[in-house]
Amino acid sequence: MKNQRWKEPGPRYLEHSLSIPVRFPEVDALGIVWHGHYVSYLEQGREALGRERGIDYLSIRERHGLVIPVVHVALDYLAPARYGEAVEVRTRLHPDERARLLFTYRLFGPDGTKLATGLSVQVFTHPDGTLVLNRPEFYRALCEQWEADLQG
């Protein structure tokens, strides 16, 4: 990815695209999205990909008894998003050998202009906050199935 300060985690990933309309309460007096709302766009993209793959917040908590707090977010702003437009969020999950979820993001305006790039990391913990040190079985199985599909 150009215009970012981190290295792309790898060429293999699961991707989901989501269009999010920019709402009036998200913009400043100039009609430009306030920078803090971009993190919400990342979260919406992450949740959409997670629902598609069964690794959204609720599924992980209800089915597996774990929580997945965000421990790192990086975001590079490249161009403004504006009121009345839609932001396309392309979310990528990069399967990892570690017990974490690593996502990258590309946000685009309606004309294809790259608005921002981002990265987030979540870890698996028990509800009491105890860190899970090894990949949970359900996540290991998802990664193995994903790799098998790529080898296809």
C-alpha atoms as a PDB file:
ATOM      1  CA  MET A   1       0.000   0.000   0.000  1.00  0.00           C
ATOM      2  CA  LYS A   2       1.372   3.428  -0.859  1.00  0.00           C
ATOM      3  CA  ASN A   3       0.829   6.427   1.405  1.00  0.00           C
ATOM      4  CA  GLN A   4       1.229   4.593   4.690  1.00  0.00           C
ATOM      5  CA  ARG A   5       3.815   4.132   7.369  1.00  0.00           C
ATOM      6  CA  TRP A   6       3.559   0.375   7.866  1.00  0.00           C
ATOM      7  CA  LYS A   7       4.354  -2.633   5.770  1.00  0.00           C
ATOM      8  CA  GLU A   8       1.477  -4.577   4.258  1.00  0.00           C
ATOM      9  CA  PRO A   9       1.251  -7.811   6.306  1.00  0.00           C
ATOM     10  CA  GLY A  10       1.277 -10.059   3.258  1.00  0.00           C
ATOM     11  CA  PRO A  11      -0.312 -10.833  -0.075  1.00  0.00           C
ATOM     12  CA  ARG A  12      -2.902 -13.237   1.379  1.00  0.00           C
ATOM     13  CA  TYR A  13      -6.008 -11.852   3.014  1.00  0.00           C
ATOM     14  CA  LEU A  14      -9.766 -12.053   3.270  1.00  0.00           C
ATOM     15  CA  GLU A  15     -11.430  -8.878   1.996  1.00  0.00           C
ATOM     16  CA  HIS A  16     -14.815  -7.246   2.403  1.00  0.00           C
ATOM     17  CA  SER A  17     -16.079  -3.987   0.930  1.00  0.00           C
ATOM     18  CA  LEU A  18     -18.708  -1.784   2.561  1.00  0.00           C
ATOM     19  CA  SER A  19     -20.218   1.541   1.494  1.00  0.00           C
ATOM     20  CA  ILE A  20     -20.949   3.920   4.372  1.00  0.00           C
ATOM     21  CA  PRO A  21     -22.871   7.168   3.808  1.00  0.00           C
ATOM     22  CA  VAL A  22     -21.347  10.204   5.507  1.00  0.00           C
ATOM     23  CA  ARG A  23     -23.923  11.515   7.972  1.00  0.00           C
ATOM     24  CA  PHE A  24     -24.423  15.147   8.972  1.00  0.00           C
ATOM     25  CA  PRO A  25     -23.326  14.655  12.624  1.00  0.00           C
ATOM     26  CA  GLU A  26     -19.966  13.308  11.399  1.00  0.00           C
ATOM     27  CA  VAL A  27     -18.851  16.536   9.709  1.00  0.00           C
ATOM     28  CA  ASP A  28     -17.532  19.918  10.796  1.00  0.00           C
ATOM     29  CA  ALA A  29     -18.743  23.348   9.667  1.00  0.00           C
ATOM     30  CA  LEU A  30     -16.980  22.895   6.313  1.00  0.00           C
ATOM     31  CA  GLY A  31     -18.819  19.623   5.617  1.00  0.00           C
ATOM     32  CA  ILE A  32     -15.633  17.552   6.108  1.00  0.00           C
ATOM     33  CA  VAL A  33     -15.659  14.390   8.212  1.00  0.00           C
ATOM     34  CA  TRP A  34     -14.059  14.925  11.624  1.00  0.00           C
ATOM     35  CA  HIS A  35     -10.963  12.730  11.871  1.00  0.00           C
ATOM     36  CA  GLY A  36     -12.215  10.696  14.857  1.00  0.00           C
ATOM     37  CA  HIS A  37     -15.115   9.271  12.848  1.00  0.00           C
ATOM     38  CA  TYR A  38     -12.733   7.390  10.573  1.00  0.00           C
ATOM     39  CA  VAL A  39     -12.077   4.919  13.390  1.00  0.00           C
ATOM     40  CA  SER A  40     -15.827   4.218  13.422  1.00  0.00           C
ATOM     41  CA  TYR A  41     -15.686   3.523   9.680  1.00  0.00           C
ATOM     42  CA  LEU A  42     -12.896   1.001  10.305  1.00  0.00           C
ATOM     43  CA  GLU A  43     -15.004  -0.659  12.985  1.00  0.00           C
ATOM     44  CA  GLN A  44     -18.017  -0.902  10.687  1.00  0.00           C
ATOM     45  CA  GLY A  45     -15.867  -2.505   7.991  1.00  0.00           C
ATOM     46  CA  ARG A  46     -14.321  -4.909  10.491  1.00  0.00           C
ATOM     47  CA  GLU A  47     -17.722  -5.940  11.858  1.00  0.00           C
ATOM     48  CA  ALA A  48     -19.125  -6.504   8.332  1.00  0.00           C
ATOM     49  CA  LEU A  49     -16.201  -8.772   7.427  1.00  0.00           C
ATOM     50  CA  GLY A  50     -16.504 -10.495  10.816  1.00  0.00           C
ATOM     51  CA  ARG A  51     -20.226 -11.208  10.390  1.00  0.00           C
ATOM     52  CA  GLU A  52     -19.504 -12.686   6.972  1.00  0.00           C
ATOM     53  CA  ARG A  53     -16.897 -15.054   8.501  1.00  0.00           C
ATOM     54  CA  GLY A  54     -18.425 -15.702  11.923  1.00  0.00           C
ATOM     55  CA  ILE A  55     -15.746 -13.739  13.781  1.00  0.00           C
ATOM     56  CA  ASP A  56     -17.672 -10.645  14.783  1.00  0.00           C
ATOM     57  CA  TYR A  57     -17.731  -9.451  18.390  1.00  0.00           C
ATOM     58  CA  LEU A  58     -21.007 -11.123  19.346  1.00  0.00           C
ATOM     59  CA  SER A  59     -20.217 -14.462  17.700  1.00  0.00           C
ATOM     60  CA  ILE A  60     -16.840 -14.726  19.389  1.00  0.00           C
ATOM     61  CA  ARG A  61     -18.283 -13.841  22.790  1.00  0.00           C
ATOM     62  CA  GLU A  62     -21.438 -15.971  22.569  1.00  0.00           C
ATOM     63  CA  ARG A  63     -20.023 -19.026  20.784  1.00  0.00           C
ATOM     64  CA  HIS A  64     -16.505 -19.102  22.185  1.00  0.00           C
ATOM     65  CA  GLY A  65     -16.637 -17.142  25.446  1.00  0.00           C
ATOM     66  CA  LEU A  66     -13.869 -14.757  24.409  1.00  0.00           C
ATOM     67  CA  VAL A  67     -13.611 -11.044  23.764  1.00  0.00           C
ATOM     68  CA  ILE A  68     -11.406  -9.284  21.213  1.00  0.00           C
ATOM     69  CA  PRO A  69     -10.314  -5.840  22.396  1.00  0.00           C
ATOM     70  CA  VAL A  70      -8.563  -3.488  20.002  1.00  0.00           C
ATOM     71  CA  VAL A  71      -4.977  -2.964  21.169  1.00  0.00           C
ATOM     72  CA  HIS A  72      -3.582  -0.916  18.266  1.00  0.00           C
ATOM     73  CA  VAL A  73      -4.939   1.402  15.571  1.00  0.00           C
ATOM     74  CA  ALA A  74      -2.979   3.351  12.968  1.00  0.00           C
ATOM     75  CA  LEU A  75      -4.593   5.658  10.459  1.00  0.00           C
ATOM     76  CA  ASP A  76      -3.160   7.833   7.708  1.00  0.00           C
ATOM     77  CA  TYR A  77      -5.450  10.557   6.372  1.00  0.00           C
ATOM     78  CA  LEU A  78      -4.916  11.293   2.693  1.00  0.00           C
ATOM     79  CA  ALA A  79      -7.962  13.287   1.521  1.00  0.00           C
ATOM     80  CA  PRO A  80     -11.169  14.516   3.164  1.00  0.00           C
ATOM     81  CA  ALA A  81     -14.483  12.674   3.135  1.00  0.00           C
ATOM     82  CA  ARG A  82     -17.457  15.010   2.784  1.00  0.00           C
ATOM     83  CA  TYR A  83     -21.081  15.199   3.826  1.00  0.00           C
ATOM     84  CA  GLY A  84     -23.454  13.764   1.237  1.00  0.00           C
ATOM     85  CA  GLU A  85     -20.911  11.308  -0.117  1.00  0.00           C
ATOM     86  CA  ALA A  86     -20.336   7.655   0.669  1.00  0.00           C
ATOM     87  CA  VAL A  87     -17.061   6.191   1.900  1.00  0.00           C
ATOM     88  CA  GLU A  88     -16.101   2.769   0.563  1.00  0.00           C
ATOM     89  CA  VAL A  89     -14.269   0.819   3.250  1.00  0.00           C
ATOM     90  CA  ARG A  90     -12.226  -2.133   2.009  1.00  0.00           C
ATOM     91  CA  THR A  91     -11.314  -4.230   5.022  1.00  0.00           C
ATOM     92  CA  ARG A  92      -8.706  -6.972   4.862  1.00  0.00           C
ATOM     93  CA  LEU A  93      -8.101  -9.651   7.475  1.00  0.00           C
ATOM     94  CA  HIS A  94      -4.579 -11.010   7.354  1.00  0.00           C
ATOM     95  CA  PRO A  95      -4.537 -14.443   9.043  1.00  0.00           C
ATOM     96  CA  ASP A  96      -1.676 -14.682  11.461  1.00  0.00           C
ATOM     97  CA  GLU A  97       0.060 -17.465  13.379  1.00  0.00           C
ATOM     98  CA  ARG A  98      -0.281 -15.407  16.539  1.00  0.00           C
ATOM     99  CA  ALA A  99      -3.419 -15.177  18.666  1.00  0.00           C
ATOM    100  CA  ARG A 100      -4.579 -11.904  17.159  1.00  0.00           C
ATOM    101  CA  LEU A 101      -6.712 -10.414  14.425  1.00  0.00           C
ATOM    102  CA  LEU A 102      -4.767  -8.159  12.068  1.00  0.00           C
ATOM    103  CA  PHE A 103      -6.796  -5.918   9.763  1.00  0.00           C
ATOM    104  CA  THR A 104      -5.802  -3.356   7.155  1.00  0.00           C
ATOM    105  CA  TYR A 105      -8.126  -0.831   5.555  1.00  0.00           C
ATOM    106  CA  ARG A 106      -8.411   1.331   2.485  1.00  0.00           C
ATOM    107  CA  LEU A 107     -11.052   4.056   2.410  1.00  0.00           C
ATOM    108  CA  PHE A 108     -12.160   5.553  -0.905  1.00  0.00           C
ATOM    109  CA  GLY A 109     -14.384   8.431  -1.952  1.00  0.00           C
ATOM    110  CA  PRO A 110     -17.124   8.144  -4.592  1.00  0.00           C
ATOM    111  CA  ASP A 111     -14.709   9.096  -7.396  1.00  0.00           C
ATOM    112  CA  GLY A 112     -12.152   6.468  -6.324  1.00  0.00           C
ATOM    113  CA  THR A 113      -9.902   8.905  -4.469  1.00  0.00           C
ATOM    114  CA  LYS A 114      -8.051   7.157  -1.642  1.00  0.00           C
ATOM    115  CA  LEU A 115      -9.125   8.941   1.526  1.00  0.00           C
ATOM    116  CA  ALA A 116      -7.240   6.983   4.174  1.00  0.00           C
ATOM    117  CA  THR A 117      -5.358   3.796   4.969  1.00  0.00           C
ATOM    118  CA  GLY A 118      -5.448   2.057   8.301  1.00  0.00           C
ATOM    119  CA  LEU A 119      -4.401  -0.906  10.383  1.00  0.00           C
ATOM    120  CA  SER A 120      -5.823  -2.409  13.560  1.00  0.00           C
ATOM    121  CA  VAL A 121      -4.873  -5.265  15.854  1.00  0.00           C
ATOM    122  CA  GLN A 122      -7.156  -7.139  18.229  1.00  0.00           C
ATOM    123  CA  VAL A 123      -6.190  -9.833  20.693  1.00  0.00           C
ATOM    124  CA  PHE A 124      -8.211 -12.659  22.179  1.00  0.00           C
ATOM    125  CA  THR A 125      -8.900 -12.467  25.901  1.00  0.00           C
ATOM    126  CA  HIS A 126     -11.137 -14.161  28.412  1.00  0.00           C
ATOM    127  CA  PRO A 127     -13.936 -11.934  29.758  1.00  0.00           C
ATOM    128  CA  ASP A 128     -11.842 -11.260  32.884  1.00  0.00           C
ATOM    129  CA  GLY A 129      -9.110  -9.748  30.683  1.00  0.00           C
ATOM    130  CA  THR A 130      -6.714 -12.705  30.753  1.00  0.00           C
ATOM    131  CA  LEU A 131      -4.805 -12.799  27.475  1.00  0.00           C
ATOM    132  CA  VAL A 132      -5.186 -15.907  25.265  1.00  0.00           C
ATOM    133  CA  LEU A 133      -1.647 -16.824  24.222  1.00  0.00           C
ATOM    134  CA  ASN A 134      -2.410 -19.397  21.507  1.00  0.00           C
ATOM    135  CA  ARG A 135      -4.758 -19.074  18.580  1.00  0.00           C
ATOM    136  CA  PRO A 136      -8.223 -20.256  19.615  1.00  0.00           C
ATOM    137  CA  GLU A 137      -9.313 -23.440  17.848  1.00  0.00           C
ATOM    138  CA  PHE A 138     -12.131 -21.727  15.910  1.00  0.00           C
ATOM    139  CA  TYR A 139      -9.708 -19.126  14.554  1.00  0.00           C
ATOM    140  CA  ARG A 140      -7.081 -21.737  13.699  1.00  0.00           C
ATOM    141  CA  ALA A 141      -9.761 -23.699  11.779  1.00  0.00           C
ATOM    142  CA  LEU A 142     -10.858 -20.539   9.924  1.00  0.00           C
ATOM    143  CA  CYS A 143      -7.258 -19.813   8.912  1.00  0.00           C
ATOM    144  CA  GLU A 144      -6.701 -23.403   7.753  1.00  0.00           C
ATOM    145  CA  GLN A 145      -9.914 -23.369   5.701  1.00  0.00           C
ATOM    146  CA  TRP A 146      -8.964 -20.025   4.228  1.00  0.00           C
ATOM    147  CA  GLU A 147      -5.510 -21.334   3.243  1.00  0.00           C
ATOM    148  CA  ALA A 148      -7.082 -24.469   1.703  1.00  0.00           C
ATOM    149  CA  ASP A 149      -9.470 -22.306  -0.335  1.00  0.00           C
ATOM    150  CA  LEU A 150      -6.557 -20.234  -1.634  1.00  0.00           C
ATOM    151  CA  GLN A 151      -4.667 -23.384  -2.674  1.00  0.00           C
ATOM    152  CA  GLY A 152      -7.930 -24.569  -4.321  1.00  0.00           C
END
